[in-house]
Amino acid sequence: MWKRLQLELSLKQLYVVQAALGQSLRASLGASSGAFIDALEEKEKELTRDMAMRIELVSSEARQATELAENYLENISKQRVSLHYRRMLHE
C-alpha cells in the first residue's frame, strides 16, 4: 500500500512537471516564433523599401530616356523641315 501511494505521488509529480515543461515550452516557442515573425516582417519591410527604390530609379531612367527620345525626334523633325524649305528656296 505504501509503495502504491509513493508511485501515485511520483506519477502526480511527474504530471505536474510535464505540465510545467509544456507551459514553459509553449511560452518559449511563442516568444521565439514572435521574434521570428518580427524578423520576417522587418526583412519584408526592408525588401519593400529596396524594391520601391529600384522602381523609382527605373522609372526615373525611363522618364529621362523618353525625354531624350522626344527631343531627338523633335530635332530630326526640325532638321527635315529646315532641309525641305532650303530645297524649296534653292529650286
N, C-alpha and C. Protein backbone atom coordinates (compact mmCIF):
# COMPACT_ATOMS: atom_id res chain seq x y z
N MET A 1 0.82 -1.18 0.00
CA MET A 1 0.00 0.00 0.00
C MET A 1 0.87 1.27 0.00
N TRP A 2 1.87 1.24 0.84
CA TRP A 2 2.81 2.37 0.93
C TRP A 2 3.49 2.61 -0.42
N LYS A 3 3.91 1.54 -1.04
CA LYS A 3 4.56 1.65 -2.36
C LYS A 3 3.60 2.24 -3.39
N ARG A 4 2.35 1.80 -3.30
CA ARG A 4 1.37 2.30 -4.26
C ARG A 4 1.16 3.80 -4.08
N LEU A 5 1.07 4.29 -2.86
CA LEU A 5 0.92 5.71 -2.59
C LEU A 5 2.13 6.49 -3.09
N GLN A 6 3.30 5.90 -2.88
CA GLN A 6 4.52 6.54 -3.37
C GLN A 6 4.51 6.64 -4.90
N LEU A 7 4.09 5.56 -5.55
CA LEU A 7 4.01 5.57 -7.02
C LEU A 7 3.00 6.60 -7.51
N GLU A 8 1.83 6.65 -6.87
CA GLU A 8 0.81 7.63 -7.27
C GLU A 8 1.32 9.06 -7.07
N LEU A 9 1.99 9.30 -5.95
CA LEU A 9 2.56 10.61 -5.69
C LEU A 9 3.63 10.96 -6.73
N SER A 10 4.46 9.97 -7.03
CA SER A 10 5.50 10.19 -8.05
C SER A 10 4.88 10.48 -9.41
N LEU A 11 3.83 9.74 -9.76
CA LEU A 11 3.14 9.98 -11.03
C LEU A 11 2.53 11.38 -11.07
N LYS A 12 1.89 11.80 -9.96
CA LYS A 12 1.30 13.14 -9.92
C LYS A 12 2.39 14.20 -10.04
N GLN A 13 3.52 13.97 -9.39
CA GLN A 13 4.63 14.91 -9.50
C GLN A 13 5.15 14.98 -10.94
N LEU A 14 5.21 13.81 -11.58
CA LEU A 14 5.64 13.79 -12.98
C LEU A 14 4.65 14.54 -13.88
N TYR A 15 3.34 14.38 -13.62
CA TYR A 15 2.34 15.11 -14.40
C TYR A 15 2.49 16.63 -14.21
N VAL A 16 2.76 17.03 -12.96
CA VAL A 16 2.95 18.46 -12.68
C VAL A 16 4.18 18.97 -13.42
N VAL A 17 5.27 18.21 -13.35
CA VAL A 17 6.50 18.60 -14.04
C VAL A 17 6.26 18.65 -15.55
N GLN A 18 5.55 17.64 -16.07
CA GLN A 18 5.25 17.61 -17.50
C GLN A 18 4.41 18.82 -17.91
N ALA A 19 3.41 19.16 -17.11
CA ALA A 19 2.57 20.33 -17.42
C ALA A 19 3.40 21.61 -17.38
N ALA A 20 4.27 21.72 -16.37
CA ALA A 20 5.12 22.91 -16.25
C ALA A 20 6.06 23.01 -17.45
N LEU A 21 6.64 21.88 -17.84
CA LEU A 21 7.53 21.88 -19.01
C LEU A 21 6.76 22.25 -20.28
N GLY A 22 5.55 21.72 -20.40
CA GLY A 22 4.72 22.04 -21.56
C GLY A 22 4.42 23.53 -21.63
N GLN A 23 4.07 24.12 -20.48
CA GLN A 23 3.80 25.56 -20.45
C GLN A 23 5.05 26.35 -20.79
N SER A 24 6.16 25.92 -20.22
CA SER A 24 7.43 26.61 -20.48
C SER A 24 7.79 26.51 -21.97
N LEU A 25 7.61 25.32 -22.53
CA LEU A 25 7.92 25.12 -23.94
C LEU A 25 7.01 25.99 -24.82
N ARG A 26 5.71 26.00 -24.50
CA ARG A 26 4.78 26.84 -25.28
C ARG A 26 5.15 28.31 -25.17
N ALA A 27 5.53 28.73 -23.97
CA ALA A 27 5.91 30.14 -23.78
C ALA A 27 7.16 30.48 -24.58
N SER A 28 8.16 29.60 -24.51
CA SER A 28 9.40 29.92 -25.24
C SER A 28 9.19 29.80 -26.75
N LEU A 29 8.38 28.85 -27.19
CA LEU A 29 8.07 28.77 -28.62
C LEU A 29 7.31 30.00 -29.07
N GLY A 30 6.40 30.45 -28.23
CA GLY A 30 5.66 31.66 -28.57
C GLY A 30 6.57 32.86 -28.68
N ALA A 31 7.50 32.99 -27.74
CA ALA A 31 8.42 34.13 -27.77
C ALA A 31 9.36 34.03 -28.96
N SER A 32 9.89 32.84 -29.21
CA SER A 32 10.83 32.72 -30.33
C SER A 32 10.12 32.83 -31.66
N SER A 33 8.90 32.29 -31.75
CA SER A 33 8.18 32.44 -33.01
C SER A 33 7.76 33.89 -33.20
N GLY A 34 7.46 34.58 -32.10
CA GLY A 34 7.16 36.01 -32.20
C GLY A 34 8.36 36.78 -32.70
N ALA A 35 9.54 36.44 -32.17
CA ALA A 35 10.77 37.11 -32.62
C ALA A 35 11.04 36.76 -34.09
N PHE A 36 10.76 35.51 -34.45
CA PHE A 36 10.97 35.08 -35.83
C PHE A 36 10.03 35.84 -36.77
N ILE A 37 8.77 35.97 -36.35
CA ILE A 37 7.80 36.70 -37.17
C ILE A 37 8.20 38.16 -37.28
N ASP A 38 8.67 38.75 -36.16
CA ASP A 38 9.14 40.14 -36.20
C ASP A 38 10.30 40.29 -37.18
N ALA A 39 11.23 39.33 -37.14
CA ALA A 39 12.38 39.38 -38.05
C ALA A 39 11.92 39.26 -39.51
N LEU A 40 10.96 38.38 -39.76
CA LEU A 40 10.43 38.24 -41.12
C LEU A 40 9.75 39.53 -41.58
N GLU A 41 8.97 40.14 -40.69
CA GLU A 41 8.30 41.39 -41.05
C GLU A 41 9.31 42.49 -41.34
N GLU A 42 10.37 42.56 -40.54
CA GLU A 42 11.41 43.58 -40.76
C GLU A 42 12.10 43.35 -42.11
N LYS A 43 12.38 42.07 -42.42
CA LYS A 43 13.01 41.75 -43.71
C LYS A 43 12.08 42.12 -44.86
N GLU A 44 10.78 41.85 -44.68
CA GLU A 44 9.81 42.19 -45.72
C GLU A 44 9.77 43.71 -45.94
N LYS A 45 9.80 44.48 -44.84
CA LYS A 45 9.82 45.95 -44.97
C LYS A 45 11.08 46.41 -45.69
N GLU A 46 12.21 45.80 -45.34
CA GLU A 46 13.48 46.16 -45.98
C GLU A 46 13.43 45.87 -47.48
N LEU A 47 12.92 44.69 -47.83
CA LEU A 47 12.82 44.33 -49.25
C LEU A 47 11.84 45.24 -49.99
N THR A 48 10.75 45.62 -49.32
CA THR A 48 9.78 46.52 -49.93
C THR A 48 10.40 47.88 -50.20
N ARG A 49 11.16 48.40 -49.20
CA ARG A 49 11.85 49.69 -49.40
C ARG A 49 12.85 49.59 -50.55
N ASP A 50 13.60 48.49 -50.59
CA ASP A 50 14.59 48.30 -51.65
C ASP A 50 13.91 48.24 -53.01
N MET A 51 12.81 47.51 -53.09
CA MET A 51 12.08 47.38 -54.36
C MET A 51 11.50 48.74 -54.77
N ALA A 52 10.99 49.51 -53.81
CA ALA A 52 10.44 50.83 -54.13
C ALA A 52 11.53 51.74 -54.67
N MET A 53 12.73 51.68 -54.07
CA MET A 53 13.84 52.49 -54.57
C MET A 53 14.23 52.08 -55.97
N ARG A 54 14.26 50.77 -56.24
CA ARG A 54 14.61 50.29 -57.58
C ARG A 54 13.56 50.72 -58.60
N ILE A 55 12.30 50.63 -58.23
CA ILE A 55 11.23 51.04 -59.13
C ILE A 55 11.35 52.52 -59.44
N GLU A 56 11.63 53.32 -58.40
CA GLU A 56 11.79 54.77 -58.61
C GLU A 56 12.97 55.06 -59.53
N LEU A 57 14.07 54.33 -59.34
CA LEU A 57 15.25 54.52 -60.18
C LEU A 57 14.95 54.18 -61.64
N VAL A 58 14.31 53.03 -61.86
CA VAL A 58 13.97 52.61 -63.23
C VAL A 58 12.97 53.59 -63.85
N SER A 59 12.02 54.03 -63.04
CA SER A 59 11.03 54.99 -63.54
C SER A 59 11.71 56.30 -63.94
N SER A 60 12.64 56.75 -63.12
CA SER A 60 13.38 57.98 -63.43
C SER A 60 14.19 57.82 -64.71
N GLU A 61 14.86 56.69 -64.85
CA GLU A 61 15.64 56.43 -66.06
C GLU A 61 14.73 56.35 -67.29
N ALA A 62 13.55 55.77 -67.13
CA ALA A 62 12.61 55.68 -68.25
C ALA A 62 12.12 57.06 -68.65
N ARG A 63 11.85 57.92 -67.65
CA ARG A 63 11.43 59.30 -67.97
C ARG A 63 12.54 60.03 -68.73
N GLN A 64 13.78 59.86 -68.28
CA GLN A 64 14.91 60.52 -68.95
C GLN A 64 15.06 60.01 -70.39
N ALA A 65 14.95 58.69 -70.56
CA ALA A 65 15.08 58.11 -71.90
C ALA A 65 13.95 58.60 -72.80
N THR A 66 12.75 58.69 -72.26
CA THR A 66 11.61 59.19 -73.04
C THR A 66 11.83 60.64 -73.45
N GLU A 67 12.31 61.43 -72.51
CA GLU A 67 12.59 62.84 -72.80
C GLU A 67 13.67 62.98 -73.88
N LEU A 68 14.72 62.18 -73.78
CA LEU A 68 15.78 62.21 -74.79
C LEU A 68 15.24 61.81 -76.16
N ALA A 69 14.41 60.77 -76.19
CA ALA A 69 13.84 60.32 -77.46
C ALA A 69 12.94 61.40 -78.06
N GLU A 70 12.12 62.04 -77.21
CA GLU A 70 11.25 63.10 -77.71
C GLU A 70 12.06 64.27 -78.26
N ASN A 71 13.12 64.64 -77.54
CA ASN A 71 13.99 65.73 -78.02
C ASN A 71 14.65 65.36 -79.34
N TYR A 72 15.10 64.11 -79.45
CA TYR A 72 15.73 63.64 -80.68
C TYR A 72 14.74 63.73 -81.85
N LEU A 73 13.53 63.22 -81.62
CA LEU A 73 12.52 63.26 -82.69
C LEU A 73 12.16 64.69 -83.07
N GLU A 74 12.08 65.56 -82.08
CA GLU A 74 11.79 66.97 -82.36
C GLU A 74 12.91 67.60 -83.19
N ASN A 75 14.15 67.31 -82.83
CA ASN A 75 15.29 67.84 -83.59
C ASN A 75 15.31 67.31 -85.02
N ILE A 76 15.06 66.01 -85.17
CA ILE A 76 15.02 65.41 -86.50
C ILE A 76 13.93 66.09 -87.34
N SER A 77 12.75 66.28 -86.74
CA SER A 77 11.65 66.92 -87.47
C SER A 77 12.02 68.32 -87.90
N LYS A 78 12.64 69.08 -86.99
CA LYS A 78 13.05 70.45 -87.34
C LYS A 78 14.08 70.44 -88.46
N GLN A 79 15.01 69.49 -88.39
CA GLN A 79 16.03 69.41 -89.44
C GLN A 79 15.40 69.08 -90.79
N ARG A 80 14.43 68.18 -90.79
CA ARG A 80 13.77 67.81 -92.05
C ARG A 80 12.99 68.99 -92.62
N VAL A 81 12.28 69.69 -91.74
CA VAL A 81 11.51 70.85 -92.21
C VAL A 81 12.47 71.90 -92.75
N SER A 82 13.55 72.13 -92.02
CA SER A 82 14.54 73.12 -92.45
C SER A 82 15.14 72.71 -93.80
N LEU A 83 15.49 71.45 -93.94
CA LEU A 83 16.05 70.96 -95.19
C LEU A 83 15.04 71.10 -96.33
N HIS A 84 13.79 70.79 -96.05
CA HIS A 84 12.75 70.90 -97.06
C HIS A 84 12.62 72.35 -97.54
N TYR A 85 12.58 73.28 -96.61
CA TYR A 85 12.46 74.70 -97.01
C TYR A 85 13.70 75.19 -97.74
N ARG A 86 14.86 74.72 -97.33
CA ARG A 86 16.09 75.11 -98.04
C ARG A 86 16.04 74.62 -99.48
N ARG A 87 15.59 73.40 -99.67
CA ARG A 87 15.48 72.86 -101.04
C ARG A 87 14.48 73.67 -101.86
N MET A 88 13.38 74.03 -101.21
CA MET A 88 12.37 74.81 -101.93
C MET A 88 12.92 76.18 -102.33
N LEU A 89 13.72 76.77 -101.45
CA LEU A 89 14.28 78.09 -101.76
C LEU A 89 15.30 78.02 -102.88
N HIS A 90 16.03 76.94 -102.97
CA HIS A 90 17.07 76.81 -103.99
C HIS A 90 16.51 76.36 -105.33
N GLU A 91 15.32 75.89 -105.35
CA GLU A 91 14.75 75.41 -106.62
C GLU A 91 14.22 76.51 -107.47
